[in-house]
PDB file of N, CA and C in Angstrom:
ATOM      1  N   UNK A   1      92.553  57.772 100.727  1.00  0.00           N
ATOM      2  CA  UNK A   1      93.239  59.153 100.499  1.00  0.00           C
ATOM      3  C   UNK A   1      92.371  60.131  99.633  1.00  0.00           C
ATOM      4  N   UNK A   2      92.391  61.371 100.126  1.00  0.00           N
ATOM      5  CA  UNK A   2      91.517  62.284  99.374  1.00  0.00           C
ATOM      6  C   UNK A   2      92.186  62.618  98.008  1.00  0.00           C
ATOM      7  N   UNK A   3      91.414  62.981  97.027  1.00  0.00           N
ATOM      8  CA  UNK A   3      91.915  63.199  95.580  1.00  0.00           C
ATOM      9  C   UNK A   3      92.977  64.185  95.508  1.00  0.00           C
ATOM     10  N   UNK A   4      92.870  65.269  96.275  1.00  0.00           N
ATOM     11  CA  UNK A   4      93.948  66.268  96.268  1.00  0.00           C
ATOM     12  C   UNK A   4      95.190  66.161  97.203  1.00  0.00           C
ATOM     13  N   UNK A   5      95.207  64.996  97.885  1.00  0.00           N
ATOM     14  CA  UNK A   5      96.349  64.681  98.674  1.00  0.00           C
ATOM     15  C   UNK A   5      97.605  64.807  98.032  1.00  0.00           C
ATOM     16  N   UNK A   6      98.590  65.381  98.717  1.00  0.00           N
ATOM     17  CA  UNK A   6      99.960  65.708  98.160  1.00  0.00           C
ATOM     18  C   UNK A   6     100.617  64.403  97.682  1.00  0.00           C
ATOM     19  N   UNK A   7     100.605  63.349  98.288  1.00  0.00           N
ATOM     20  CA  UNK A   7     101.291  62.130  97.855  1.00  0.00           C
ATOM     21  C   UNK A   7     100.532  61.658  96.480  1.00  0.00           C
ATOM     22  N   UNK A   8      99.447  61.602  96.444  1.00  0.00           N
ATOM     23  CA  UNK A   8      98.699  61.313  95.185  1.00  0.00           C
ATOM     24  C   UNK A   8      98.980  62.161  94.024  1.00  0.00           C
ATOM     25  N   UNK A   9      99.005  63.437  94.284  1.00  0.00           N
ATOM     26  CA  UNK A   9      99.344  64.417  93.215  1.00  0.00           C
ATOM     27  C   UNK A   9     100.901  63.964  92.750  1.00  0.00           C
ATOM     28  N   UNK A  10     101.782  63.828  93.653  1.00  0.00           N
ATOM     29  CA  UNK A  10     103.157  63.471  93.227  1.00  0.00           C
ATOM     30  C   UNK A  10     103.208  62.110  92.402  1.00  0.00           C
ATOM     31  N   UNK A  11     102.424  61.208  92.888  1.00  0.00           N
ATOM     32  CA  UNK A  11     102.366  59.937  92.279  1.00  0.00           C
ATOM     33  C   UNK A  11     101.882  60.006  90.692  1.00  0.00           C
ATOM     34  N   UNK A  12     100.778  60.796  90.561  1.00  0.00           N
ATOM     35  CA  UNK A  12     100.253  60.985  89.195  1.00  0.00           C
ATOM     36  C   UNK A  12     101.201  61.803  88.349  1.00  0.00           C
ATOM     37  N   UNK A  13     101.904  62.817  88.942  1.00  0.00           N
ATOM     38  CA  UNK A  13     102.796  63.655  88.145  1.00  0.00           C
ATOM     39  C   UNK A  13     104.156  62.732  87.899  1.00  0.00           C
ATOM     40  N   UNK A  14     104.518  61.839  88.609  1.00  0.00           N
ATOM     41  CA  UNK A  14     105.741  60.998  88.276  1.00  0.00           C
ATOM     42  C   UNK A  14     105.253  59.920  87.264  1.00  0.00           C
ATOM     43  N   UNK A  15     104.056  59.557  87.345  1.00  0.00           N
ATOM     44  CA  UNK A  15     103.645  58.489  86.272  1.00  0.00           C
ATOM     45  C   UNK A  15     103.651  59.049  84.837  1.00  0.00           C
ATOM     46  N   UNK A  16     103.400  60.441  84.770  1.00  0.00           N
ATOM     47  CA  UNK A  16     103.535  61.076  83.422  1.00  0.00           C
ATOM     48  C   UNK A  16     104.749  61.490  83.130  1.00  0.00           C
ATOM     49  N   UNK A  17     105.885  61.167  83.760  1.00  0.00           N
ATOM     50  CA  UNK A  17     107.165  61.724  83.474  1.00  0.00           C
ATOM     51  C   UNK A  17     107.750  61.193  82.232  1.00  0.00           C
ATOM     52  N   UNK A  18     108.562  61.949  81.499  1.00  0.00           N
ATOM     53  CA  UNK A  18     109.057  61.588  80.242  1.00  0.00           C
ATOM     54  C   UNK A  18     110.413  60.759  80.654  1.00  0.00           C
ATOM     55  N   UNK A  19     110.421  59.496  80.091  1.00  0.00           N
ATOM     56  CA  UNK A  19     111.537  58.496  80.448  1.00  0.00           C
ATOM     57  C   UNK A  19     112.711  58.566  79.350  1.00  0.00           C
ATOM     58  N   UNK A  20     112.598  59.368  78.440  1.00  0.00           N
ATOM     59  CA  UNK A  20     113.567  59.515  77.264  1.00  0.00           C
ATOM     60  C   UNK A  20     114.864  60.098  77.856  1.00  0.00           C
ATOM     61  N   UNK A  21     115.966  59.557  77.404  1.00  0.00           N
ATOM     62  CA  UNK A  21     117.249  60.124  77.966  1.00  0.00           C
ATOM     63  C   UNK A  21     117.503  61.617  77.437  1.00  0.00           C
ATOM     64  N   UNK A  22     118.061  62.336  78.288  1.00  0.00           N
ATOM     65  CA  UNK A  22     118.222  63.794  77.865  1.00  0.00           C
ATOM     66  C   UNK A  22     119.369  64.393  78.576  1.00  0.00           C
ATOM     67  N   UNK A  23     119.785  65.532  78.177  1.00  0.00           N
ATOM     68  CA  UNK A  23     120.884  66.311  78.847  1.00  0.00           C
ATOM     69  C   UNK A  23     120.541  67.859  78.608  1.00  0.00           C
ATOM     70  N   UNK A  24     120.847  68.512  79.632  1.00  0.00           N
ATOM     71  CA  UNK A  24     120.552  70.019  79.687  1.00  0.00           C
ATOM     72  C   UNK A  24     121.755  70.737  80.104  1.00  0.00           C
ATOM     73  N   UNK A  25     122.097  71.880  79.347  1.00  0.00           N
ATOM     74  CA  UNK A  25     123.117  72.785  79.704  1.00  0.00           C
ATOM     75  C   UNK A  25     122.384  74.094  79.993  1.00  0.00           C
ATOM     76  N   UNK A  26     122.514  74.530  81.181  1.00  0.00           N
ATOM     77  CA  UNK A  26     122.125  75.764  81.611  1.00  0.00           C
ATOM     78  C   UNK A  26     123.203  76.879  81.671  1.00  0.00           C
ATOM     79  N   UNK A  27     122.673  78.049  81.397  1.00  0.00           N
ATOM     80  CA  UNK A  27     123.492  79.264  81.293  1.00  0.00           C
ATOM     81  C   UNK A  27     124.699  79.187  80.401  1.00  0.00           C
ATOM     82  N   UNK A  28     124.480  78.659  79.170  1.00  0.00           N
ATOM     83  CA  UNK A  28     125.422  78.611  78.182  1.00  0.00           C
ATOM     84  C   UNK A  28     125.655  80.017  77.534  1.00  0.00           C
ATOM     85  N   UNK A  29     126.931  80.482  77.473  1.00  0.00           N
ATOM     86  CA  UNK A  29     127.263  81.866  77.065  1.00  0.00           C
ATOM     87  C   UNK A  29     127.139  81.963  75.683  1.00  0.00           C
ATOM     88  N   UNK A  30     125.903  81.634  75.061  1.00  0.00           N
ATOM     89  CA  UNK A  30     125.569  82.018  73.570  1.00  0.00           C
ATOM     90  C   UNK A  30     124.111  82.086  73.618  1.00  0.00           C
ATOM     91  N   UNK A  31     123.803  83.054  72.570  1.00  0.00           N
ATOM     92  CA  UNK A  31     122.497  83.474  72.501  1.00  0.00           C
ATOM     93  C   UNK A  31     121.523  82.402  71.818  1.00  0.00           C
ATOM     94  N   UNK A  32     120.329  82.566  72.084  1.00  0.00           N
ATOM     95  CA  UNK A  32     119.384  81.480  71.691  1.00  0.00           C
ATOM     96  C   UNK A  32     119.357  81.388  70.113  1.00  0.00           C
ATOM     97  N   UNK A  33     119.452  82.469  69.518  1.00  0.00           N
ATOM     98  CA  UNK A  33     119.470  82.606  68.036  1.00  0.00           C
ATOM     99  C   UNK A  33     120.681  81.782  67.381  1.00  0.00           C
ATOM    100  N   UNK A  34     121.850  82.071  68.001  1.00  0.00           N
ATOM    101  CA  UNK A  34     123.064  81.353  67.431  1.00  0.00           C
ATOM    102  C   UNK A  34     122.902  79.925  67.753  1.00  0.00           C
ATOM    103  N   UNK A  35     122.465  79.539  68.793  1.00  0.00           N
ATOM    104  CA  UNK A  35     122.437  78.124  69.210  1.00  0.00           C
ATOM    105  C   UNK A  35     121.428  77.344  68.348  1.00  0.00           C
ATOM    106  N   UNK A  36     120.271  78.028  68.054  1.00  0.00           N
ATOM    107  CA  UNK A  36     119.176  77.355  67.155  1.00  0.00           C
ATOM    108  C   UNK A  36     119.614  77.103  65.750  1.00  0.00           C
ATOM    109  N   UNK A  37     120.692  77.860  65.245  1.00  0.00           N
ATOM    110  CA  UNK A  37     121.143  77.655  63.934  1.00  0.00           C
ATOM    111  C   UNK A  37     121.857  76.203  63.973  1.00  0.00           C
ATOM    112  N   UNK A  38     122.587  75.876  65.007  1.00  0.00           N
ATOM    113  CA  UNK A  38     123.189  74.581  65.121  1.00  0.00           C
ATOM    114  C   UNK A  38     122.168  73.463  65.318  1.00  0.00           C
ATOM    115  N   UNK A  39     121.258  73.778  66.283  1.00  0.00           N
ATOM    116  CA  UNK A  39     120.232  72.771  66.600  1.00  0.00           C
ATOM    117  C   UNK A  39     119.369  72.310  65.580  1.00  0.00           C
ATOM    118  N   UNK A  40     119.045  73.284  64.640  1.00  0.00           N
ATOM    119  CA  UNK A  40     118.228  73.121  63.421  1.00  0.00           C
ATOM    120  C   UNK A  40     118.854  72.054  62.520  1.00  0.00           C
ATOM    121  N   UNK A  41     120.242  72.149  62.437  1.00  0.00           N
ATOM    122  CA  UNK A  41     121.008  71.192  61.558  1.00  0.00           C
ATOM    123  C   UNK A  41     121.020  69.812  61.977  1.00  0.00           C
ATOM    124  N   UNK A  42     120.754  69.613  63.262  1.00  0.00           N
ATOM    125  CA  UNK A  42     120.851  68.143  63.812  1.00  0.00           C
ATOM    126  C   UNK A  42     119.668  67.588  64.145  1.00  0.00           C
ATOM    127  N   UNK A  43     118.588  68.487  64.257  1.00  0.00           N
ATOM    128  CA  UNK A  43     117.255  67.889  64.759  1.00  0.00           C
ATOM    129  C   UNK A  43     116.696  66.741  63.841  1.00  0.00           C
ATOM    130  N   UNK A  44     116.401  65.568  64.479  1.00  0.00           N
ATOM    131  CA  UNK A  44     115.790  64.514  63.780  1.00  0.00           C
ATOM    132  C   UNK A  44     116.863  63.529  63.293  1.00  0.00           C
ATOM    133  N   UNK A  45     118.096  63.896  63.299  1.00  0.00           N
ATOM    134  CA  UNK A  45     119.191  63.002  62.720  1.00  0.00           C
ATOM    135  C   UNK A  45     119.579  62.009  63.725  1.00  0.00           C
ATOM    136  N   UNK A  46     120.180  60.849  63.187  1.00  0.00           N
ATOM    137  CA  UNK A  46     120.666  59.816  64.164  1.00  0.00           C
ATOM    138  C   UNK A  46     122.053  60.407  64.766  1.00  0.00           C
ATOM    139  N   UNK A  47     122.380  59.699  65.901  1.00  0.00           N
ATOM    140  CA  UNK A  47     123.444  60.252  66.701  1.00  0.00           C
ATOM    141  C   UNK A  47     124.789  60.402  65.976  1.00  0.00           C
ATOM    142  N   UNK A  48     125.323  59.360  65.195  1.00  0.00           N
ATOM    143  CA  UNK A  48     126.442  59.361  64.583  1.00  0.00           C
ATOM    144  C   UNK A  48     126.569  60.606  63.482  1.00  0.00           C
ATOM    145  N   UNK A  49     125.401  60.702  62.698  1.00  0.00           N
ATOM    146  CA  UNK A  49     125.358  61.734  61.817  1.00  0.00           C
ATOM    147  C   UNK A  49     125.560  63.205  62.483  1.00  0.00           C
ATOM    148  N   UNK A  50     124.780  63.339  63.578  1.00  0.00           N
ATOM    149  CA  UNK A  50     124.761  64.568  64.336  1.00  0.00           C
ATOM    150  C   UNK A  50     126.114  65.002  64.898  1.00  0.00           C
ATOM    151  N   UNK A  51     126.820  63.986  65.417  1.00  0.00           N
ATOM    152  CA  UNK A  51     128.186  64.204  65.885  1.00  0.00           C
ATOM    153  C   UNK A  51     129.029  64.572  64.819  1.00  0.00           C
ATOM    154  N   UNK A  52     128.985  63.853  63.608  1.00  0.00           N
ATOM    155  CA  UNK A  52     129.732  64.498  62.472  1.00  0.00           C
ATOM    156  C   UNK A  52     129.526  65.874  62.065  1.00  0.00           C
ATOM    157  N   UNK A  53     128.332  66.254  62.028  1.00  0.00           N
ATOM    158  CA  UNK A  53     127.871  67.668  61.671  1.00  0.00           C
ATOM    159  C   UNK A  53     128.538  68.562  62.682  1.00  0.00           C
ATOM    160  N   UNK A  54     128.338  68.209  64.024  1.00  0.00           N
ATOM    161  CA  UNK A  54     128.833  69.140  64.962  1.00  0.00           C
ATOM    162  C   UNK A  54     130.353  69.315  65.051  1.00  0.00           C
ATOM    163  N   UNK A  55     131.010  68.068  64.615  1.00  0.00           N
ATOM    164  CA  UNK A  55     132.500  68.227  64.753  1.00  0.00           C
ATOM    165  C   UNK A  55     133.078  69.113  63.630  1.00  0.00           C
ATOM    166  N   UNK A  56     132.394  69.186  62.396  1.00  0.00           N
ATOM    167  CA  UNK A  56     132.931  70.089  61.411  1.00  0.00           C
ATOM    168  C   UNK A  56     132.209  71.299  61.192  1.00  0.00           C
ATOM    169  N   UNK A  57     131.290  71.728  62.074  1.00  0.00           N
ATOM    170  CA  UNK A  57     130.636  72.940  61.952  1.00  0.00           C
ATOM    171  C   UNK A  57     131.507  74.047  62.684  1.00  0.00           C
ATOM    172  N   UNK A  58     131.734  75.129  62.032  1.00  0.00           N
ATOM    173  CA  UNK A  58     132.662  76.179  62.479  1.00  0.00           C
ATOM    174  C   UNK A  58     132.044  77.106  63.793  1.00  0.00           C
ATOM    175  N   UNK A  59     130.796  76.999  63.898  1.00  0.00           N
ATOM    176  CA  UNK A  59     130.127  77.987  64.953  1.00  0.00           C
ATOM    177  C   UNK A  59     130.607  77.468  66.329  1.00  0.00           C
ATOM    178  N   UNK A  60     130.672  78.460  67.287  1.00  0.00           N
ATOM    179  CA  UNK A  60     131.040  78.227  68.668  1.00  0.00           C
ATOM    180  C   UNK A  60     130.088  77.317  69.390  1.00  0.00           C
ATOM    181  N   UNK A  61     128.720  77.648  69.128  1.00  0.00           N
ATOM    182  CA  UNK A  61     127.669  76.854  69.779  1.00  0.00           C
ATOM    183  C   UNK A  61     127.889  75.311  69.425  1.00  0.00           C
ATOM    184  N   UNK A  62     128.375  74.867  68.315  1.00  0.00           N
ATOM    185  CA  UNK A  62     128.458  73.560  68.038  1.00  0.00           C
ATOM    186  C   UNK A  62     129.311  72.722  68.955  1.00  0.00           C
ATOM    187  N   UNK A  63     130.435  73.392  69.483  1.00  0.00           N
ATOM    188  CA  UNK A  63     131.282  72.725  70.450  1.00  0.00           C
ATOM    189  C   UNK A  63     130.586  72.490  71.714  1.00  0.00           C
ATOM    190  N   UNK A  64     129.611  73.403  72.154  1.00  0.00           N
ATOM    191  CA  UNK A  64     128.965  73.262  73.374  1.00  0.00           C
ATOM    192  C   UNK A  64     127.788  72.075  73.196  1.00  0.00           C
ATOM    193  N   UNK A  65     127.219  72.091  72.081  1.00  0.00           N
ATOM    194  CA  UNK A  65     126.047  71.280  71.826  1.00  0.00           C
ATOM    195  C   UNK A  65     126.767  69.720  71.545  1.00  0.00           C
ATOM    196  N   UNK A  66     127.833  69.745  70.964  1.00  0.00           N
ATOM    197  CA  UNK A  66     128.581  68.431  70.769  1.00  0.00           C
ATOM    198  C   UNK A  66     128.737  67.695  72.189  1.00  0.00           C
ATOM    199  N   UNK A  67     129.304  68.499  73.062  1.00  0.00           N
ATOM    200  CA  UNK A  67     129.569  68.009  74.462  1.00  0.00           C
ATOM    201  C   UNK A  67     128.231  67.534  75.119  1.00  0.00           C
ATOM    202  N   UNK A  68     127.207  68.356  74.884  1.00  0.00           N
ATOM    203  CA  UNK A  68     125.865  68.194  75.382  1.00  0.00           C
ATOM    204  C   UNK A  68     125.436  66.689  74.897  1.00  0.00           C
ATOM    205  N   UNK A  69     125.402  66.469  73.621  1.00  0.00           N
ATOM    206  CA  UNK A  69     124.904  65.422  72.942  1.00  0.00           C
ATOM    207  C   UNK A  69     125.776  64.176  73.354  1.00  0.00           C
ATOM    208  N   UNK A  70     127.005  64.130  73.599  1.00  0.00           N
ATOM    209  CA  UNK A  70     127.800  63.079  74.065  1.00  0.00           C
ATOM    210  C   UNK A  70     127.308  62.745  75.473  1.00  0.00           C
ATOM    211  N   UNK A  71     126.934  63.761  76.289  1.00  0.00           N
ATOM    212  CA  UNK A  71     126.486  63.430  77.607  1.00  0.00           C
ATOM    213  C   UNK A  71     125.172  62.782  77.530  1.00  0.00           C
ATOM    214  N   UNK A  72     124.268  63.147  76.636  1.00  0.00           N
ATOM    215  CA  UNK A  72     122.869  62.545  76.441  1.00  0.00           C
ATOM    216  C   UNK A  72     123.122  61.157  76.092  1.00  0.00           C
ATOM    217  N   UNK A  73     124.110  60.837  75.241  1.00  0.00           N
ATOM    218  CA  UNK A  73     124.387  59.478  74.734  1.00  0.00           C
ATOM    219  C   UNK A  73     124.788  58.613  75.871  1.00  0.00           C
ATOM    220  N   UNK A  74     125.623  59.103  76.695  1.00  0.00           N
ATOM    221  CA  UNK A  74     126.127  58.398  77.907  1.00  0.00           C
ATOM    222  C   UNK A  74     124.978  58.088  78.763  1.00  0.00           C
ATOM    223  N   UNK A  75     124.118  59.198  79.030  1.00  0.00           N
ATOM    224  CA  UNK A  75     122.912  58.866  79.903  1.00  0.00           C
ATOM    225  C   UNK A  75     122.040  57.731  79.284  1.00  0.00           C
ATOM    226  N   UNK A  76     121.891  57.722  78.025  1.00  0.00           N
ATOM    227  CA  UNK A  76     121.008  56.722  77.416  1.00  0.00           C
ATOM    228  C   UNK A  76     121.592  55.287  77.573  1.00  0.00           C
ATOM    229  N   UNK A  77     123.014  55.110  77.381  1.00  0.00           N
ATOM    230  CA  UNK A  77     123.588  53.787  77.407  1.00  0.00           C
ATOM    231  C   UNK A  77     123.630  53.414  78.870  1.00  0.00           C
ATOM    232  N   UNK A  78     124.073  54.315  79.907  1.00  0.00           N
ATOM    233  CA  UNK A  78     124.396  53.974  81.193  1.00  0.00           C
ATOM    234  C   UNK A  78     123.108  53.879  81.980  1.00  0.00           C
ATOM    235  N   UNK A  79     122.212  54.775  81.925  1.00  0.00           N
ATOM    236  CA  UNK A  79     120.965  54.776  82.725  1.00  0.00           C
ATOM    237  C   UNK A  79     119.686  54.067  82.085  1.00  0.00           C
ATOM    238  N   UNK A  80     119.629  54.103  80.764  1.00  0.00           N
ATOM    239  CA  UNK A  80     118.467  53.330  80.094  1.00  0.00           C
ATOM    240  C   UNK A  80     118.863  52.068  79.454  1.00  0.00           C
ATOM    241  N   UNK A  81     120.152  51.804  79.394  1.00  0.00           N
ATOM    242  CA  UNK A  81     120.523  50.586  78.768  1.00  0.00           C
ATOM    243  C   UNK A  81     120.259  50.456  77.169  1.00  0.00           C
ATOM    244  N   UNK A  82     120.276  51.714  76.567  1.00  0.00           N
ATOM    245  CA  UNK A  82     119.847  51.811  75.089  1.00  0.00           C
ATOM    246  C   UNK A  82     121.120  51.484  74.354  1.00  0.00           C
ATOM    247  N   UNK A  83     121.012  51.024  73.062  1.00  0.00           N
ATOM    248  CA  UNK A  83     121.937  50.844  72.150  1.00  0.00           C
ATOM    249  C   UNK A  83     122.219  52.077  71.291  1.00  0.00           C
ATOM    250  N   UNK A  84     123.461  52.416  71.343  1.00  0.00           N
ATOM    251  CA  UNK A  84     124.050  53.682  70.707  1.00  0.00           C
ATOM    252  C   UNK A  84     123.610  53.888  69.233  1.00  0.00           C
ATOM    253  N   UNK A  85     123.566  52.586  68.511  1.00  0.00           N
ATOM    254  CA  UNK A  85     123.223  52.813  67.033  1.00  0.00           C
ATOM    255  C   UNK A  85     121.853  53.100  66.660  1.00  0.00           C
ATOM    256  N   UNK A  86     120.943  52.720  67.706  1.00  0.00           N
ATOM    257  CA  UNK A  86     119.433  52.900  67.331  1.00  0.00           C
ATOM    258  C   UNK A  86     119.003  54.397  67.837  1.00  0.00           C
ATOM    259  N   UNK A  87     119.983  55.288  68.503  1.00  0.00           N
ATOM    260  CA  UNK A  87     119.486  56.453  69.122  1.00  0.00           C
ATOM    261  C   UNK A  87     119.417  57.513  67.908  1.00  0.00           C
ATOM    262  N   UNK A  88     118.389  58.535  68.085  1.00  0.00           N
ATOM    263  CA  UNK A  88     118.293  59.584  67.328  1.00  0.00           C
ATOM    264  C   UNK A  88     117.845  60.752  68.140  1.00  0.00           C
ATOM    265  N   UNK A  89     118.057  62.046  67.520  1.00  0.00           N
ATOM    266  CA  UNK A  89     117.681  63.112  68.240  1.00  0.00           C
ATOM    267  C   UNK A  89     116.212  63.549  68.166  1.00  0.00           C
ATOM    268  N   UNK A  90     115.478  63.203  69.163  1.00  0.00           N
ATOM    269  CA  UNK A  90     114.017  63.419  69.081  1.00  0.00           C
ATOM    270  C   UNK A  90     113.682  64.825  69.243  1.00  0.00           C
ATOM    271  N   UNK A  91     114.216  65.610  70.190  1.00  0.00           N
ATOM    272  CA  UNK A  91     113.994  67.000  70.472  1.00  0.00           C
ATOM    273  C   UNK A  91     115.317  67.620  70.801  1.00  0.00           C
ATOM    274  N   UNK A  92     115.516  68.968  70.364  1.00  0.00           N
ATOM    275  CA  UNK A  92     116.562  69.701  70.789  1.00  0.00           C
ATOM    276  C   UNK A  92     116.086  71.186  70.711  1.00  0.00           C
ATOM    277  N   UNK A  93     116.237  71.810  71.787  1.00  0.00           N
ATOM    278  CA  UNK A  93     115.631  73.294  71.736  1.00  0.00           C
ATOM    279  C   UNK A  93     116.580  74.147  72.733  1.00  0.00           C
ATOM    280  N   UNK A  94     116.643  75.432  72.484  1.00  0.00           N
ATOM    281  CA  UNK A  94     117.340  76.375  73.292  1.00  0.00           C
ATOM    282  C   UNK A  94     116.339  77.383  73.827  1.00  0.00           C
ATOM    283  N   UNK A  95     116.278  77.651  75.086  1.00  0.00           N
ATOM    284  CA  UNK A  95     115.446  78.602  75.775  1.00  0.00           C
ATOM    285  C   UNK A  95     116.327  79.668  76.254  1.00  0.00           C
ATOM    286  N   UNK A  96     115.569  80.784  76.493  1.00  0.00           N
ATOM    287  CA  UNK A  96     116.268  81.957  76.908  1.00  0.00           C
ATOM    288  C   UNK A  96     116.574  81.880  78.294  1.00  0.00           C
ATOM    289  N   UNK A  97     117.854  82.248  78.628  1.00  0.00           N
ATOM    290  CA  UNK A  97     118.439  82.318  80.003  1.00  0.00           C
ATOM    291  C   UNK A  97     118.510  83.691  80.440  1.00  0.00           C
ATOM    292  N   UNK A  98     119.193  83.943  81.695  1.00  0.00           N
ATOM    293  CA  UNK A  98     119.343  85.256  82.046  1.00  0.00           C
ATOM    294  C   UNK A  98     120.228  86.105  81.181  1.00  0.00           C
ATOM    295  N   UNK A  99     120.234  87.533  81.178  1.00  0.00           N
ATOM    296  CA  UNK A  99     121.104  88.364  80.483  1.00  0.00           C
ATOM    297  C   UNK A  99     121.867  89.143  81.266  1.00  0.00           C
ATOM    298  N   UNK A 100     123.326  89.052  81.035  1.00  0.00           N
ATOM    299  CA  UNK A 100     124.101  89.841  81.783  1.00  0.00           C
ATOM    300  C   UNK A 100     124.201  91.282  81.147  1.00  0.00           C
ATOM    301  N   UNK A 101     124.014  92.390  82.089  1.00  0.00           N
ATOM    302  CA  UNK A 101     123.935  93.723  81.340  1.00  0.00           C
ATOM    303  C   UNK A 101     125.346  94.394  81.609  1.00  0.00           C
ATOM    304  N   UNK A 102     125.842  94.954  80.607  1.00  0.00           N
ATOM    305  CA  UNK A 102     127.194  95.615  80.779  1.00  0.00           C
ATOM    306  C   UNK A 102     127.054  96.986  80.114  1.00  0.00           C
ATOM    307  N   UNK A 103     127.873  97.989  80.530  1.00  0.00           N
ATOM    308  CA  UNK A 103     127.887  99.277  80.117  1.00  0.00           C
ATOM    309  C   UNK A 103     129.134  99.614  79.236  1.00  0.00           C
ATOM    310  N   UNK A 104     128.941 100.202  78.124  1.00  0.00           N
ATOM    311  CA  UNK A 104     129.992 100.581  77.134  1.00  0.00           C
ATOM    312  C   UNK A 104     130.128 102.003  77.000  1.00  0.00           C
ATOM    313  N   UNK A 105     131.124 102.729  77.381  1.00  0.00           N
ATOM    314  CA  UNK A 105     131.222 104.191  77.288  1.00  0.00           C
ATOM    315  C   UNK A 105     131.224 104.548  75.854  1.00  0.00           C
ATOM    316  N   UNK A 106     130.583 105.615  75.502  1.00  0.00           N
ATOM    317  CA  UNK A 106     130.426 106.133  73.975  1.00  0.00           C
ATOM    318  C   UNK A 106     130.758 107.687  74.084  1.00  0.00           C
ATOM    319  N   UNK A 107     130.648 108.188  72.915  1.00  0.00           N
ATOM    320  CA  UNK A 107     131.122 109.588  72.759  1.00  0.00           C
ATOM    321  C   UNK A 107     130.201 110.551  73.760  1.00  0.00           C
ATOM    322  N   UNK A 108     130.909 111.691  73.986  1.00  0.00           N
ATOM    323  CA  UNK A 108     130.269 112.720  74.881  1.00  0.00           C
ATOM    324  C   UNK A 108     129.583 112.293  76.169  1.00  0.00           C
ATOM    325  N   UNK A 109     130.276 111.424  76.735  1.00  0.00           N
ATOM    326  CA  UNK A 109     129.773 111.011  78.178  1.00  0.00           C
ATOM    327  C   UNK A 109     128.671 109.961  78.136  1.00  0.00           C
ATOM    328  N   UNK A 110     128.217 109.712  76.980  1.00  0.00           N
ATOM    329  CA  UNK A 110     127.020 108.636  76.951  1.00  0.00           C
ATOM    330  C   UNK A 110     127.444 107.153  77.290  1.00  0.00           C
ATOM    331  N   UNK A 111     126.507 106.425  77.699  1.00  0.00           N
ATOM    332  CA  UNK A 111     126.767 104.999  78.095  1.00  0.00           C
ATOM    333  C   UNK A 111     125.806 104.070  77.308  1.00  0.00           C
ATOM    334  N   UNK A 112     126.126 103.088  76.565  1.00  0.00           N
ATOM    335  CA  UNK A 112     125.289 102.278  75.816  1.00  0.00           C
ATOM    336  C   UNK A 112     125.288 101.010  76.524  1.00  0.00           C
ATOM    337  N   UNK A 113     124.078 100.323  76.713  1.00  0.00           N
ATOM    338  CA  UNK A 113     124.077  99.036  77.240  1.00  0.00           C
ATOM    339  C   UNK A 113     124.424  97.849  76.378  1.00  0.00           C
ATOM    340  N   UNK A 114     125.310  96.996  76.875  1.00  0.00           N
ATOM    341  CA  UNK A 114     125.661  95.737  76.056  1.00  0.00           C
ATOM    342  C   UNK A 114     124.851  94.678  76.775  1.00  0.00           C
ATOM    343  N   UNK A 115     124.273  93.757  76.084  1.00  0.00           N
ATOM    344  CA  UNK A 115     123.517  92.706  76.619  1.00  0.00           C
ATOM    345  C   UNK A 115     124.186  91.439  76.192  1.00  0.00           C
ATOM    346  N   UNK A 116     124.665  90.724  77.160  1.00  0.00           N
ATOM    347  CA  UNK A 116     125.472  89.346  76.944  1.00  0.00           C
ATOM    348  C   UNK A 116     124.380  88.250  77.236  1.00  0.00           C
ATOM    349  N   UNK A 117     123.801  87.752  76.356  1.00  0.00           N
ATOM    350  CA  UNK A 117     122.659  86.739  76.392  1.00  0.00           C
ATOM    351  C   UNK A 117     123.269  85.397  76.722  1.00  0.00           C
ATOM    352  N   UNK A 118     122.402  84.722  77.507  1.00  0.00           N
ATOM    353  CA  UNK A 118     122.614  83.326  77.764  1.00  0.00           C
ATOM    354  C   UNK A 118     121.425  82.402  77.321  1.00  0.00           C
ATOM    355  N   UNK A 119     121.638  81.185  77.302  1.00  0.00           N
ATOM    356  CA  UNK A 119     120.624  80.202  76.836  1.00  0.00           C
ATOM    357  C   UNK A 119     120.706  78.856  77.776  1.00  0.00           C
ATOM    358  N   UNK A 120     119.583  78.303  77.742  1.00  0.00           N
ATOM    359  CA  UNK A 120     119.454  76.933  78.297  1.00  0.00           C
ATOM    360  C   UNK A 120     119.264  75.867  77.274  1.00  0.00           C
ATOM    361  N   UNK A 121     120.092  75.075  76.950  1.00  0.00           N
ATOM    362  CA  UNK A 121     120.024  74.151  75.705  1.00  0.00           C
ATOM    363  C   UNK A 121     119.709  72.724  76.269  1.00  0.00           C
ATOM    364  N   UNK A 122     118.763  72.196  75.686  1.00  0.00           N
ATOM    365  CA  UNK A 122     118.197  70.816  76.034  1.00  0.00           C
ATOM    366  C   UNK A 122     118.304  69.878  74.844  1.00  0.00           C
ATOM    367  N   UNK A 123     118.847  68.650  74.972  1.00  0.00           N
ATOM    368  CA  UNK A 123     118.869  67.682  73.792  1.00  0.00           C
ATOM    369  C   UNK A 123     118.077  66.328  74.516  1.00  0.00           C
ATOM    370  N   UNK A 124     117.117  65.940  73.721  1.00  0.00           N
ATOM    371  CA  UNK A 124     116.385  64.646  74.144  1.00  0.00           C
ATOM    372  C   UNK A 124     116.499  63.608  72.941  1.00  0.00           C
ATOM    373  N   UNK A 125     116.958  62.395  73.350  1.00  0.00           N
ATOM    374  CA  UNK A 125     117.089  61.357  72.476  1.00  0.00           C
ATOM    375  C   UNK A 125     115.967  60.310  72.662  1.00  0.00           C
ATOM    376  N   UNK A 126     115.820  59.579  71.592  1.00  0.00           N
ATOM    377  CA  UNK A 126     114.865  58.441  71.609  1.00  0.00           C
ATOM    378  C   UNK A 126     115.607  57.244  70.810  1.00  0.00           C
ATOM    379  N   UNK A 127     114.924  56.134  70.922  1.00  0.00           N
ATOM    380  CA  UNK A 127     115.314  54.961  70.188  1.00  0.00           C
ATOM    381  C   UNK A 127     114.335  54.672  68.982  1.00  0.00           C
ATOM    382  N   UNK A 128     114.965  54.210  67.883  1.00  0.00           N
ATOM    383  CA  UNK A 128     114.121  53.764  66.688  1.00  0.00           C
ATOM    384  C   UNK A 128     113.770  52.442  66.774  1.00  0.00           C
TER     385      UNK A 128
END
């Protein structure tokens, strides 16, 4: 087969694929900045500590991220056969999603733009 053949390219790409368990939440109705406050608090922590932090964190994003973390833990246990006690949060980040643009009427017939931001949140686990 030629070096640039489609099947060979796919085979090489799949060989370099990340096998760590993860979960992704797309189009979360929270801005990246607000999600990152919560993600910074749990990055690098073990799973039980992170769940405790998320449970008692008053921010709205923490409820979304807690649900996402529980999904990633379930993926690790069911798909990869990992032990829950050895898991920790290897990576967690929020990327910018699409922005909903709305118009708010203001004084003297003006219209101001309201931007309702979204984010794509990803949690990647690994075993110690």
